[in-house]
Amino acid sequence: MAQEAGVSVATVSNVLNRPEIVAPTTRDRVRGAIDALGYRPNHAARQLSSGHGTGVGLVLFDVRNPFLTGVARGAEDRLHAVDRTVVLCNTDVDPGKEERYLEMLLQQQAQGVLITPAELSREWVDRVRSRGLRTVLFHNSTDFPDVCSVAVDDEAGGELAATHLLARGHERITCVTGPMHMRQSVDRLAGCRRAAALAGRPEEAVEVVETGAFTLDQGRRAGERILASSRPTTAVFCANDLLALGLMQAVTRAGRRIPDDLAVVGFDDIASAATAGVPLTSVHVDSHALGSAAAGLLVEEVEDPGHRHRRLLFAPHLVERASS
């Protein structure tokens, strides 16, 4: 190829890897030779020689969740703009499955991983970092200052939702959480309880219904449990929109009216919240911006030797609709 273009091998390498340092006329001549010869770079060989590839792992707990789909798109858009590729992995909050994906990313010499860990601990962080895998967490914790993280202020979001319901005269709130081993569930419930305490309500003013996952089906089951309860409620805060939409299905199927019989608030503000039969009041989070910010932190860590680990916390806001 160098002979075809009338340049040195080093110049061809610069055109492929650092084109900005090559004169435009030389660049055009080399690219003409590349096209004429049908050359395609051997990325696998380049990864072996450099010790890393261009791939970034995006390891999420449920890629069916529309909020996480938005996170994934934000990360992909940011990484694509800087010539990185994304490997999307779904763990179902299964530590064993997560571990297999992390091992695969290491074998593929990925530049790093953006991840919602199944079970976050100091031991987990140290183990992943010791293997040389740069990591950005989707997790709201101050316990790991040596790792970059991006998260939503879930406690503030839970407080917004509960304050909204209490201001409308509801004496009690049922909080439908996801699994309580997940930080989102803990923090959103804590925010709900804080709002009740600030309003002078007793601790029992917030009743908890825990679910096994952040899904429509679990929301429907929670709705059935609430309707069958001996302690009727007039307001429900769900820890994500899928739970809220599933719960609303169960309520309407039972012949109850939203919000007349039961006011409902969700969390995430996914697209279908606004288009539901009864548009859902929800705590809005910019999922695309969340994913983009996480990807930006990872790129910084790859490219900047003086990179400082940062924790980015996104503030949510409430979008009021007909469900409350």
C-alpha atoms as a PDB file:
ATOM      1  CA  MET A   1       0.000   0.000   0.000  1.00  0.00           C
ATOM      2  CA  ALA A   2       2.840   2.392   0.862  1.00  0.00           C
ATOM      3  CA  GLN A   3       4.415   1.654  -2.528  1.00  0.00           C
ATOM      4  CA  GLU A   4       1.083   2.200  -4.299  1.00  0.00           C
ATOM      5  CA  ALA A   5       0.709   5.630  -2.652  1.00  0.00           C
ATOM      6  CA  GLY A   6       4.390   6.556  -2.989  1.00  0.00           C
ATOM      7  CA  VAL A   7       4.864   7.119   0.741  1.00  0.00           C
ATOM      8  CA  SER A   8       6.555   5.419   3.680  1.00  0.00           C
ATOM      9  CA  VAL A   9       4.952   2.707   5.828  1.00  0.00           C
ATOM     10  CA  ALA A  10       5.035   5.161   8.741  1.00  0.00           C
ATOM     11  CA  THR A  11       2.968   7.656   6.753  1.00  0.00           C
ATOM     12  CA  VAL A  12       0.353   4.992   5.985  1.00  0.00           C
ATOM     13  CA  SER A  13       0.204   4.178   9.698  1.00  0.00           C
ATOM     14  CA  ASN A  14      -0.295   7.844  10.541  1.00  0.00           C
ATOM     15  CA  VAL A  15      -3.150   8.160   8.022  1.00  0.00           C
ATOM     16  CA  LEU A  16      -4.872   5.183   9.649  1.00  0.00           C
ATOM     17  CA  ASN A  17      -4.265   6.170  13.262  1.00  0.00           C
ATOM     18  CA  ARG A  18      -3.433   9.896  13.422  1.00  0.00           C
ATOM     19  CA  PRO A  19      -4.704  11.455  10.172  1.00  0.00           C
ATOM     20  CA  GLU A  20      -4.651  14.985  11.602  1.00  0.00           C
ATOM     21  CA  ILE A  21      -0.821  15.089  11.458  1.00  0.00           C
ATOM     22  CA  VAL A  22      -0.647  14.171   7.749  1.00  0.00           C
ATOM     23  CA  ALA A  23      -0.864  16.781   4.970  1.00  0.00           C
ATOM     24  CA  PRO A  24      -4.282  16.721   3.225  1.00  0.00           C
ATOM     25  CA  THR A  25      -2.846  15.905  -0.219  1.00  0.00           C
ATOM     26  CA  THR A  26      -0.826  12.993   1.188  1.00  0.00           C
ATOM     27  CA  ARG A  27      -3.853  11.812   3.165  1.00  0.00           C
ATOM     28  CA  ASP A  28      -5.972  11.768   0.016  1.00  0.00           C
ATOM     29  CA  ARG A  29      -3.304   9.852  -1.916  1.00  0.00           C
ATOM     30  CA  VAL A  30      -2.997   7.178   0.787  1.00  0.00           C
ATOM     31  CA  ARG A  31      -6.774   6.831   1.119  1.00  0.00           C
ATOM     32  CA  GLY A  32      -7.025   6.444  -2.648  1.00  0.00           C
ATOM     33  CA  ALA A  33      -4.551   3.586  -2.469  1.00  0.00           C
ATOM     34  CA  ILE A  34      -6.492   2.036   0.418  1.00  0.00           C
ATOM     35  CA  ASP A  35      -9.696   2.090  -1.623  1.00  0.00           C
ATOM     36  CA  ALA A  36      -7.976   0.774  -4.755  1.00  0.00           C
ATOM     37  CA  LEU A  37      -6.458  -2.160  -2.908  1.00  0.00           C
ATOM     38  CA  GLY A  38      -9.596  -2.886  -0.854  1.00  0.00           C
ATOM     39  CA  TYR A  39      -7.623  -2.756   2.398  1.00  0.00           C
ATOM     40  CA  ARG A  40      -9.427  -3.211   5.713  1.00  0.00           C
ATOM     41  CA  PRO A  41      -7.600  -2.681   9.043  1.00  0.00           C
ATOM     42  CA  ASN A  42      -7.063  -5.804  11.125  1.00  0.00           C
ATOM     43  CA  HIS A  43      -8.562  -4.592  14.404  1.00  0.00           C
ATOM     44  CA  ALA A  44      -7.826  -7.857  16.214  1.00  0.00           C
ATOM     45  CA  ALA A  45      -4.119  -7.530  15.422  1.00  0.00           C
ATOM     46  CA  ARG A  46      -4.130  -3.892  16.491  1.00  0.00           C
ATOM     47  CA  GLN A  47      -5.740  -4.860  19.809  1.00  0.00           C
ATOM     48  CA  LEU A  48      -3.043  -7.441  20.436  1.00  0.00           C
ATOM     49  CA  SER A  49      -0.266  -4.961  19.728  1.00  0.00           C
ATOM     50  CA  SER A  50      -1.777  -2.138  21.785  1.00  0.00           C
ATOM     51  CA  GLY A  51      -3.039  -4.268  24.685  1.00  0.00           C
ATOM     52  CA  HIS A  52      -6.602  -2.992  24.473  1.00  0.00           C
ATOM     53  CA  GLY A  53      -9.487  -2.713  22.027  1.00  0.00           C
ATOM     54  CA  THR A  54     -12.118  -0.105  21.340  1.00  0.00           C
ATOM     55  CA  GLY A  55     -14.992  -1.990  22.992  1.00  0.00           C
ATOM     56  CA  VAL A  56     -16.788  -0.835  26.132  1.00  0.00           C
ATOM     57  CA  GLY A  57     -19.078  -3.122  28.092  1.00  0.00           C
ATOM     58  CA  LEU A  58     -22.512  -1.834  29.073  1.00  0.00           C
ATOM     59  CA  VAL A  59     -23.729  -4.237  31.759  1.00  0.00           C
ATOM     60  CA  LEU A  60     -27.316  -3.572  32.870  1.00  0.00           C
ATOM     61  CA  PHE A  61     -29.724  -5.539  35.057  1.00  0.00           C
ATOM     62  CA  ASP A  62     -32.661  -5.587  32.592  1.00  0.00           C
ATOM     63  CA  VAL A  63     -32.328  -4.280  29.033  1.00  0.00           C
ATOM     64  CA  ARG A  64     -36.122  -4.637  28.556  1.00  0.00           C
ATOM     65  CA  ASN A  65     -36.658  -1.766  30.972  1.00  0.00           C
ATOM     66  CA  PRO A  66     -37.346   1.341  28.820  1.00  0.00           C
ATOM     67  CA  PHE A  67     -35.451   3.562  31.251  1.00  0.00           C
ATOM     68  CA  LEU A  68     -32.338   1.422  30.876  1.00  0.00           C
ATOM     69  CA  THR A  69     -32.848   1.404  27.106  1.00  0.00           C
ATOM     70  CA  GLY A  70     -32.546   5.197  27.279  1.00  0.00           C
ATOM     71  CA  VAL A  71     -29.393   4.878  29.392  1.00  0.00           C
ATOM     72  CA  ALA A  72     -27.936   2.471  26.834  1.00  0.00           C
ATOM     73  CA  ARG A  73     -28.728   4.820  23.943  1.00  0.00           C
ATOM     74  CA  GLY A  74     -27.100   7.749  25.738  1.00  0.00           C
ATOM     75  CA  ALA A  75     -23.946   5.725  26.366  1.00  0.00           C
ATOM     76  CA  GLU A  76     -23.867   4.372  22.806  1.00  0.00           C
ATOM     77  CA  ASP A  77     -24.280   7.824  21.257  1.00  0.00           C
ATOM     78  CA  ARG A  78     -21.418   9.254  23.337  1.00  0.00           C
ATOM     79  CA  LEU A  79     -19.099   6.305  22.687  1.00  0.00           C
ATOM     80  CA  HIS A  80     -19.860   6.116  18.963  1.00  0.00           C
ATOM     81  CA  ALA A  81     -18.853   9.775  18.628  1.00  0.00           C
ATOM     82  CA  VAL A  82     -15.340   8.898  19.848  1.00  0.00           C
ATOM     83  CA  ASP A  83     -14.947   5.684  17.827  1.00  0.00           C
ATOM     84  CA  ARG A  84     -15.750   3.224  20.612  1.00  0.00           C
ATOM     85  CA  THR A  85     -18.071   0.256  20.240  1.00  0.00           C
ATOM     86  CA  VAL A  86     -20.578  -0.947  22.821  1.00  0.00           C
ATOM     87  CA  VAL A  87     -21.085  -4.526  23.993  1.00  0.00           C
ATOM     88  CA  LEU A  88     -24.519  -4.721  25.666  1.00  0.00           C
ATOM     89  CA  CYS A  89     -24.937  -7.300  28.431  1.00  0.00           C
ATOM     90  CA  ASN A  90     -28.024  -8.165  30.493  1.00  0.00           C
ATOM     91  CA  THR A  91     -27.481  -9.689  33.948  1.00  0.00           C
ATOM     92  CA  ASP A  92     -31.002 -10.120  35.406  1.00  0.00           C
ATOM     93  CA  VAL A  93     -29.353  -9.128  38.729  1.00  0.00           C
ATOM     94  CA  ASP A  94     -27.544 -12.491  38.661  1.00  0.00           C
ATOM     95  CA  PRO A  95     -23.974 -12.243  40.058  1.00  0.00           C
ATOM     96  CA  GLY A  96     -22.907 -15.408  38.203  1.00  0.00           C
ATOM     97  CA  LYS A  97     -24.141 -14.093  34.864  1.00  0.00           C
ATOM     98  CA  GLU A  98     -22.505 -10.740  35.555  1.00  0.00           C
ATOM     99  CA  GLU A  99     -19.182 -12.434  36.294  1.00  0.00           C
ATOM    100  CA  ARG A 100     -19.273 -14.337  32.985  1.00  0.00           C
ATOM    101  CA  TYR A 101     -19.841 -11.090  31.093  1.00  0.00           C
ATOM    102  CA  LEU A 102     -16.987  -9.352  32.910  1.00  0.00           C
ATOM    103  CA  GLU A 103     -14.654 -12.232  32.071  1.00  0.00           C
ATOM    104  CA  MET A 104     -15.720 -12.048  28.416  1.00  0.00           C
ATOM    105  CA  LEU A 105     -15.001  -8.306  28.331  1.00  0.00           C
ATOM    106  CA  LEU A 106     -11.552  -8.917  29.802  1.00  0.00           C
ATOM    107  CA  GLN A 107     -10.817 -11.564  27.181  1.00  0.00           C
ATOM    108  CA  GLN A 108     -11.889  -9.123  24.476  1.00  0.00           C
ATOM    109  CA  GLN A 109      -9.545  -6.498  25.967  1.00  0.00           C
ATOM    110  CA  ALA A 110     -12.370  -4.027  26.486  1.00  0.00           C
ATOM    111  CA  GLN A 111     -11.386  -0.504  27.505  1.00  0.00           C
ATOM    112  CA  GLY A 112     -13.793  -0.583  30.408  1.00  0.00           C
ATOM    113  CA  VAL A 113     -17.289  -1.246  31.660  1.00  0.00           C
ATOM    114  CA  LEU A 114     -20.374   0.812  32.553  1.00  0.00           C
ATOM    115  CA  ILE A 115     -22.340  -1.292  35.001  1.00  0.00           C
ATOM    116  CA  THR A 116     -25.260  -1.613  37.409  1.00  0.00           C
ATOM    117  CA  PRO A 117     -23.661  -4.196  39.748  1.00  0.00           C
ATOM    118  CA  ALA A 118     -25.784  -7.072  40.969  1.00  0.00           C
ATOM    119  CA  GLU A 119     -24.157  -6.956  44.406  1.00  0.00           C
ATOM    120  CA  LEU A 120     -21.940  -3.927  44.999  1.00  0.00           C
ATOM    121  CA  SER A 121     -19.352  -4.166  47.775  1.00  0.00           C
ATOM    122  CA  ARG A 122     -15.772  -3.107  48.462  1.00  0.00           C
ATOM    123  CA  GLU A 123     -14.665  -6.667  47.687  1.00  0.00           C
ATOM    124  CA  TRP A 124     -16.446  -6.524  44.302  1.00  0.00           C
ATOM    125  CA  VAL A 125     -14.858  -3.182  43.408  1.00  0.00           C
ATOM    126  CA  ASP A 126     -11.367  -4.333  44.386  1.00  0.00           C
ATOM    127  CA  ARG A 127     -11.731  -7.576  42.438  1.00  0.00           C
ATOM    128  CA  VAL A 128     -12.857  -5.850  39.241  1.00  0.00           C
ATOM    129  CA  ARG A 129     -10.231  -3.106  39.483  1.00  0.00           C
ATOM    130  CA  SER A 130      -7.432  -5.610  40.177  1.00  0.00           C
ATOM    131  CA  ARG A 131      -8.151  -7.224  36.816  1.00  0.00           C
ATOM    132  CA  GLY A 132      -7.419  -3.957  35.038  1.00  0.00           C
ATOM    133  CA  LEU A 133     -10.987  -3.218  33.935  1.00  0.00           C
ATOM    134  CA  ARG A 134     -11.811   0.488  34.125  1.00  0.00           C
ATOM    135  CA  THR A 135     -15.229   0.852  35.722  1.00  0.00           C
ATOM    136  CA  VAL A 136     -18.020   3.423  35.938  1.00  0.00           C
ATOM    137  CA  LEU A 137     -20.908   2.539  38.236  1.00  0.00           C
ATOM    138  CA  PHE A 138     -24.577   3.315  37.729  1.00  0.00           C
ATOM    139  CA  HIS A 139     -25.059   3.476  41.477  1.00  0.00           C
ATOM    140  CA  ASN A 140     -25.778   6.147  44.075  1.00  0.00           C
ATOM    141  CA  SER A 141     -23.206   5.557  46.775  1.00  0.00           C
ATOM    142  CA  THR A 142     -20.542   7.649  48.466  1.00  0.00           C
ATOM    143  CA  ASP A 143     -18.755   4.525  49.701  1.00  0.00           C
ATOM    144  CA  PHE A 144     -16.469   4.139  46.664  1.00  0.00           C
ATOM    145  CA  PRO A 145     -14.675   7.443  45.946  1.00  0.00           C
ATOM    146  CA  ASP A 146     -11.989   5.575  43.989  1.00  0.00           C
ATOM    147  CA  VAL A 147     -14.504   4.642  41.265  1.00  0.00           C
ATOM    148  CA  CYS A 148     -16.472   6.956  38.978  1.00  0.00           C
ATOM    149  CA  SER A 149     -20.232   6.753  39.358  1.00  0.00           C
ATOM    150  CA  VAL A 150     -23.361   8.261  37.854  1.00  0.00           C
ATOM    151  CA  ALA A 151     -26.761   8.132  39.527  1.00  0.00           C
ATOM    152  CA  VAL A 152     -30.082   9.795  40.173  1.00  0.00           C
ATOM    153  CA  ASP A 153     -30.863  11.393  43.510  1.00  0.00           C
ATOM    154  CA  ASP A 154     -33.398   8.662  44.252  1.00  0.00           C
ATOM    155  CA  GLU A 155     -34.157   9.845  47.768  1.00  0.00           C
ATOM    156  CA  ALA A 156     -35.018  13.336  46.504  1.00  0.00           C
ATOM    157  CA  GLY A 157     -37.233  11.757  43.831  1.00  0.00           C
ATOM    158  CA  GLY A 158     -39.104   9.667  46.384  1.00  0.00           C
ATOM    159  CA  GLU A 159     -39.637  12.757  48.512  1.00  0.00           C
ATOM    160  CA  LEU A 160     -41.022  14.679  45.500  1.00  0.00           C
ATOM    161  CA  ALA A 161     -43.516  11.906  44.755  1.00  0.00           C
ATOM    162  CA  ALA A 162     -44.746  11.544  48.343  1.00  0.00           C
ATOM    163  CA  THR A 163     -44.915  15.305  48.943  1.00  0.00           C
ATOM    164  CA  HIS A 164     -47.118  15.611  45.854  1.00  0.00           C
ATOM    165  CA  LEU A 165     -49.535  12.965  47.147  1.00  0.00           C
ATOM    166  CA  LEU A 166     -49.627  14.306  50.706  1.00  0.00           C
ATOM    167  CA  ALA A 167     -50.351  17.809  49.428  1.00  0.00           C
ATOM    168  CA  ARG A 168     -53.485  16.417  47.785  1.00  0.00           C
ATOM    169  CA  GLY A 169     -54.898  15.329  51.124  1.00  0.00           C
ATOM    170  CA  HIS A 170     -53.946  11.640  51.188  1.00  0.00           C
ATOM    171  CA  GLU A 171     -53.412  10.501  54.764  1.00  0.00           C
ATOM    172  CA  ARG A 172     -51.483   7.338  53.913  1.00  0.00           C
ATOM    173  CA  ILE A 173     -49.219   6.279  51.057  1.00  0.00           C
ATOM    174  CA  THR A 174     -48.441   2.768  49.931  1.00  0.00           C
ATOM    175  CA  CYS A 175     -44.910   2.603  48.526  1.00  0.00           C
ATOM    176  CA  VAL A 176     -44.433  -0.212  45.996  1.00  0.00           C
ATOM    177  CA  THR A 177     -40.703  -0.926  45.856  1.00  0.00           C
ATOM    178  CA  GLY A 178     -38.547  -3.188  43.757  1.00  0.00           C
ATOM    179  CA  PRO A 179     -36.308  -5.733  45.513  1.00  0.00           C
ATOM    180  CA  MET A 180     -35.027  -4.197  48.730  1.00  0.00           C
ATOM    181  CA  HIS A 181     -31.473  -5.391  48.132  1.00  0.00           C
ATOM    182  CA  MET A 182     -31.304  -2.834  45.300  1.00  0.00           C
ATOM    183  CA  ARG A 183     -30.214   0.700  46.192  1.00  0.00           C
ATOM    184  CA  GLN A 184     -32.971   2.333  44.081  1.00  0.00           C
ATOM    185  CA  SER A 185     -35.658   0.687  46.200  1.00  0.00           C
ATOM    186  CA  VAL A 186     -34.041   1.639  49.497  1.00  0.00           C
ATOM    187  CA  ASP A 187     -33.450   5.277  48.574  1.00  0.00           C
ATOM    188  CA  ARG A 188     -36.834   5.914  46.930  1.00  0.00           C
ATOM    189  CA  LEU A 189     -38.614   4.476  49.973  1.00  0.00           C
ATOM    190  CA  ALA A 190     -36.419   6.588  52.265  1.00  0.00           C
ATOM    191  CA  GLY A 191     -37.448   9.704  50.343  1.00  0.00           C
ATOM    192  CA  CYS A 192     -41.107   8.778  50.684  1.00  0.00           C
ATOM    193  CA  ARG A 193     -40.710   8.326  54.440  1.00  0.00           C
ATOM    194  CA  ARG A 194     -38.839  11.617  54.762  1.00  0.00           C
ATOM    195  CA  ALA A 195     -41.690  13.478  53.056  1.00  0.00           C
ATOM    196  CA  ALA A 196     -44.202  11.921  55.467  1.00  0.00           C
ATOM    197  CA  ALA A 197     -42.061  12.838  58.471  1.00  0.00           C
ATOM    198  CA  LEU A 198     -41.674  16.426  57.267  1.00  0.00           C
ATOM    199  CA  ALA A 199     -45.456  16.611  56.885  1.00  0.00           C
ATOM    200  CA  GLY A 200     -45.871  15.497  60.503  1.00  0.00           C
ATOM    201  CA  ARG A 201     -47.293  12.087  59.633  1.00  0.00           C
ATOM    202  CA  PRO A 202     -46.596   9.026  61.799  1.00  0.00           C
ATOM    203  CA  GLU A 203     -44.253   6.291  60.580  1.00  0.00           C
ATOM    204  CA  GLU A 204     -47.199   4.002  59.773  1.00  0.00           C
ATOM    205  CA  ALA A 205     -48.460   6.577  57.239  1.00  0.00           C
ATOM    206  CA  VAL A 206     -46.141   4.871  54.715  1.00  0.00           C
ATOM    207  CA  GLU A 207     -46.918   1.223  54.037  1.00  0.00           C
ATOM    208  CA  VAL A 208     -44.446  -0.871  52.022  1.00  0.00           C
ATOM    209  CA  VAL A 209     -45.224  -3.466  49.365  1.00  0.00           C
ATOM    210  CA  GLU A 210     -42.011  -5.089  48.127  1.00  0.00           C
ATOM    211  CA  THR A 211     -41.875  -6.712  44.686  1.00  0.00           C
ATOM    212  CA  GLY A 212     -39.408  -9.127  43.144  1.00  0.00           C
ATOM    213  CA  ALA A 213     -38.508  -6.978  40.131  1.00  0.00           C
ATOM    214  CA  PHE A 214     -39.158  -3.632  38.438  1.00  0.00           C
ATOM    215  CA  THR A 215     -41.618  -5.072  35.899  1.00  0.00           C
ATOM    216  CA  LEU A 216     -45.206  -4.701  34.661  1.00  0.00           C
ATOM    217  CA  ASP A 217     -46.123  -8.145  35.941  1.00  0.00           C
ATOM    218  CA  GLN A 218     -44.836  -7.378  39.425  1.00  0.00           C
ATOM    219  CA  GLY A 219     -46.795  -4.119  39.335  1.00  0.00           C
ATOM    220  CA  ARG A 220     -50.009  -5.984  38.490  1.00  0.00           C
ATOM    221  CA  ARG A 221     -49.414  -8.376  41.382  1.00  0.00           C
ATOM    222  CA  ALA A 222     -48.762  -5.475  43.736  1.00  0.00           C
ATOM    223  CA  GLY A 223     -52.008  -3.854  42.602  1.00  0.00           C
ATOM    224  CA  GLU A 224     -53.945  -7.039  43.355  1.00  0.00           C
ATOM    225  CA  ARG A 225     -52.386  -7.221  46.830  1.00  0.00           C
ATOM    226  CA  ILE A 226     -53.253  -3.596  47.568  1.00  0.00           C
ATOM    227  CA  LEU A 227     -56.864  -4.020  46.418  1.00  0.00           C
ATOM    228  CA  ALA A 228     -57.240  -7.119  48.595  1.00  0.00           C
ATOM    229  CA  SER A 229     -55.679  -5.494  51.680  1.00  0.00           C
ATOM    230  CA  SER A 230     -57.716  -5.001  54.833  1.00  0.00           C
ATOM    231  CA  ARG A 231     -56.102  -1.556  55.132  1.00  0.00           C
ATOM    232  CA  PRO A 232     -57.349   0.402  52.127  1.00  0.00           C
ATOM    233  CA  THR A 233     -55.168   3.164  50.705  1.00  0.00           C
ATOM    234  CA  THR A 234     -55.964   6.100  48.457  1.00  0.00           C
ATOM    235  CA  ALA A 235     -52.452   6.813  47.146  1.00  0.00           C
ATOM    236  CA  VAL A 236     -49.599   4.714  45.786  1.00  0.00           C
ATOM    237  CA  PHE A 237     -46.038   5.657  44.932  1.00  0.00           C
ATOM    238  CA  CYS A 238     -44.311   3.071  42.743  1.00  0.00           C
ATOM    239  CA  ALA A 239     -40.529   2.902  42.598  1.00  0.00           C
ATOM    240  CA  ASN A 240     -40.570   2.837  38.802  1.00  0.00           C
ATOM    241  CA  ASP A 241     -43.030   3.420  35.971  1.00  0.00           C
ATOM    242  CA  LEU A 242     -43.331  -0.231  34.937  1.00  0.00           C
ATOM    243  CA  LEU A 243     -44.567  -1.097  38.414  1.00  0.00           C
ATOM    244  CA  ALA A 244     -46.966   1.855  38.283  1.00  0.00           C
ATOM    245  CA  LEU A 245     -48.358   0.969  34.851  1.00  0.00           C
ATOM    246  CA  GLY A 246     -48.856  -2.663  35.870  1.00  0.00           C
ATOM    247  CA  LEU A 247     -50.565  -1.598  39.083  1.00  0.00           C
ATOM    248  CA  MET A 248     -52.880   0.732  37.133  1.00  0.00           C
ATOM    249  CA  GLN A 249     -53.895  -2.167  34.897  1.00  0.00           C
ATOM    250  CA  ALA A 250     -54.892  -4.225  37.933  1.00  0.00           C
ATOM    251  CA  VAL A 251     -56.822  -1.310  39.430  1.00  0.00           C
ATOM    252  CA  THR A 252     -58.821  -0.528  36.272  1.00  0.00           C
ATOM    253  CA  ARG A 253     -59.567  -4.211  35.657  1.00  0.00           C
ATOM    254  CA  ALA A 254     -61.077  -4.320  39.153  1.00  0.00           C
ATOM    255  CA  GLY A 255     -63.444  -1.506  38.201  1.00  0.00           C
ATOM    256  CA  ARG A 256     -61.674   1.131  40.289  1.00  0.00           C
ATOM    257  CA  ARG A 257     -60.967   4.617  38.981  1.00  0.00           C
ATOM    258  CA  ILE A 258     -57.650   6.451  38.813  1.00  0.00           C
ATOM    259  CA  PRO A 259     -57.175   8.924  40.448  1.00  0.00           C
ATOM    260  CA  ASP A 260     -60.660   9.100  42.060  1.00  0.00           C
ATOM    261  CA  ASP A 261     -60.307   5.824  43.954  1.00  0.00           C
ATOM    262  CA  LEU A 262     -56.526   5.527  43.868  1.00  0.00           C
ATOM    263  CA  ALA A 263     -53.907   8.157  42.992  1.00  0.00           C
ATOM    264  CA  VAL A 264     -50.707   6.775  41.461  1.00  0.00           C
ATOM    265  CA  VAL A 265     -47.222   8.248  40.976  1.00  0.00           C
ATOM    266  CA  GLY A 266     -44.341   6.468  39.216  1.00  0.00           C
ATOM    267  CA  PHE A 267     -40.616   7.053  38.818  1.00  0.00           C
ATOM    268  CA  ASP A 268     -38.435   7.426  35.659  1.00  0.00           C
ATOM    269  CA  ASP A 269     -40.963   9.119  33.328  1.00  0.00           C
ATOM    270  CA  ILE A 270     -40.524   6.651  30.472  1.00  0.00           C
ATOM    271  CA  ALA A 271     -42.259   7.484  27.171  1.00  0.00           C
ATOM    272  CA  SER A 272     -45.283   5.275  27.842  1.00  0.00           C
ATOM    273  CA  ALA A 273     -46.032   7.160  31.093  1.00  0.00           C
ATOM    274  CA  ALA A 274     -47.419  10.082  29.080  1.00  0.00           C
ATOM    275  CA  THR A 275     -49.368   7.859  26.651  1.00  0.00           C
ATOM    276  CA  ALA A 276     -51.052   5.525  29.171  1.00  0.00           C
ATOM    277  CA  GLY A 277     -54.871   5.355  29.260  1.00  0.00           C
ATOM    278  CA  VAL A 278     -54.633   7.572  32.315  1.00  0.00           C
ATOM    279  CA  PRO A 279     -51.387   9.542  31.821  1.00  0.00           C
ATOM    280  CA  LEU A 280     -49.051   8.759  34.690  1.00  0.00           C
ATOM    281  CA  THR A 281     -47.607  11.346  37.055  1.00  0.00           C
ATOM    282  CA  SER A 282     -43.940  10.452  37.349  1.00  0.00           C
ATOM    283  CA  VAL A 283     -40.584  11.554  38.709  1.00  0.00           C
ATOM    284  CA  HIS A 284     -38.632  12.498  35.590  1.00  0.00           C
ATOM    285  CA  VAL A 285     -35.043  11.375  35.042  1.00  0.00           C
ATOM    286  CA  ASP A 286     -33.082  12.055  31.836  1.00  0.00           C
ATOM    287  CA  SER A 287     -31.938   8.510  31.070  1.00  0.00           C
ATOM    288  CA  HIS A 288     -30.073   9.512  27.886  1.00  0.00           C
ATOM    289  CA  ALA A 289     -28.058  12.139  29.763  1.00  0.00           C
ATOM    290  CA  LEU A 290     -27.296   9.599  32.493  1.00  0.00           C
ATOM    291  CA  GLY A 291     -25.850   7.109  30.016  1.00  0.00           C
ATOM    292  CA  SER A 292     -23.939   9.788  28.130  1.00  0.00           C
ATOM    293  CA  ALA A 293     -22.380  11.142  31.321  1.00  0.00           C
ATOM    294  CA  ALA A 294     -21.227   7.672  32.388  1.00  0.00           C
ATOM    295  CA  ALA A 295     -19.654   7.048  28.990  1.00  0.00           C
ATOM    296  CA  GLY A 296     -17.922  10.432  29.164  1.00  0.00           C
ATOM    297  CA  LEU A 297     -16.351   9.555  32.519  1.00  0.00           C
ATOM    298  CA  LEU A 298     -15.006   6.286  31.126  1.00  0.00           C
ATOM    299  CA  VAL A 299     -13.535   7.982  28.046  1.00  0.00           C
ATOM    300  CA  GLU A 300     -11.858  10.536  30.330  1.00  0.00           C
ATOM    301  CA  GLU A 301     -10.302   7.735  32.360  1.00  0.00           C
ATOM    302  CA  VAL A 302      -9.008   6.019  29.211  1.00  0.00           C
ATOM    303  CA  GLU A 303      -7.554   9.161  27.641  1.00  0.00           C
ATOM    304  CA  ASP A 304      -6.410  11.260  30.620  1.00  0.00           C
ATOM    305  CA  PRO A 305      -3.606   9.896  32.833  1.00  0.00           C
ATOM    306  CA  GLY A 306      -4.473  12.549  35.433  1.00  0.00           C
ATOM    307  CA  HIS A 307      -8.152  11.605  35.509  1.00  0.00           C
ATOM    308  CA  ARG A 308      -9.881  12.202  38.860  1.00  0.00           C
ATOM    309  CA  HIS A 309     -12.697   9.887  39.848  1.00  0.00           C
ATOM    310  CA  ARG A 310     -16.008  11.716  40.125  1.00  0.00           C
ATOM    311  CA  ARG A 311     -19.531  11.038  41.340  1.00  0.00           C
ATOM    312  CA  LEU A 312     -22.242  12.667  39.227  1.00  0.00           C
ATOM    313  CA  LEU A 313     -25.695  12.958  40.807  1.00  0.00           C
ATOM    314  CA  PHE A 314     -28.672  13.926  38.640  1.00  0.00           C
ATOM    315  CA  ALA A 315     -31.553  15.854  40.201  1.00  0.00           C
ATOM    316  CA  PRO A 316     -35.032  14.572  39.212  1.00  0.00           C
ATOM    317  CA  HIS A 317     -38.219  16.620  38.910  1.00  0.00           C
ATOM    318  CA  LEU A 318     -41.900  15.734  39.089  1.00  0.00           C
ATOM    319  CA  VAL A 319     -44.108  15.717  35.971  1.00  0.00           C
ATOM    320  CA  GLU A 320     -47.755  15.979  37.008  1.00  0.00           C
ATOM    321  CA  ARG A 321     -50.370  14.158  34.915  1.00  0.00           C
ATOM    322  CA  ALA A 322     -53.887  12.768  35.340  1.00  0.00           C
ATOM    323  CA  SER A 323     -53.069   9.725  37.531  1.00  0.00           C
ATOM    324  CA  SER A 324     -52.722  11.796  40.706  1.00  0.00           C
END
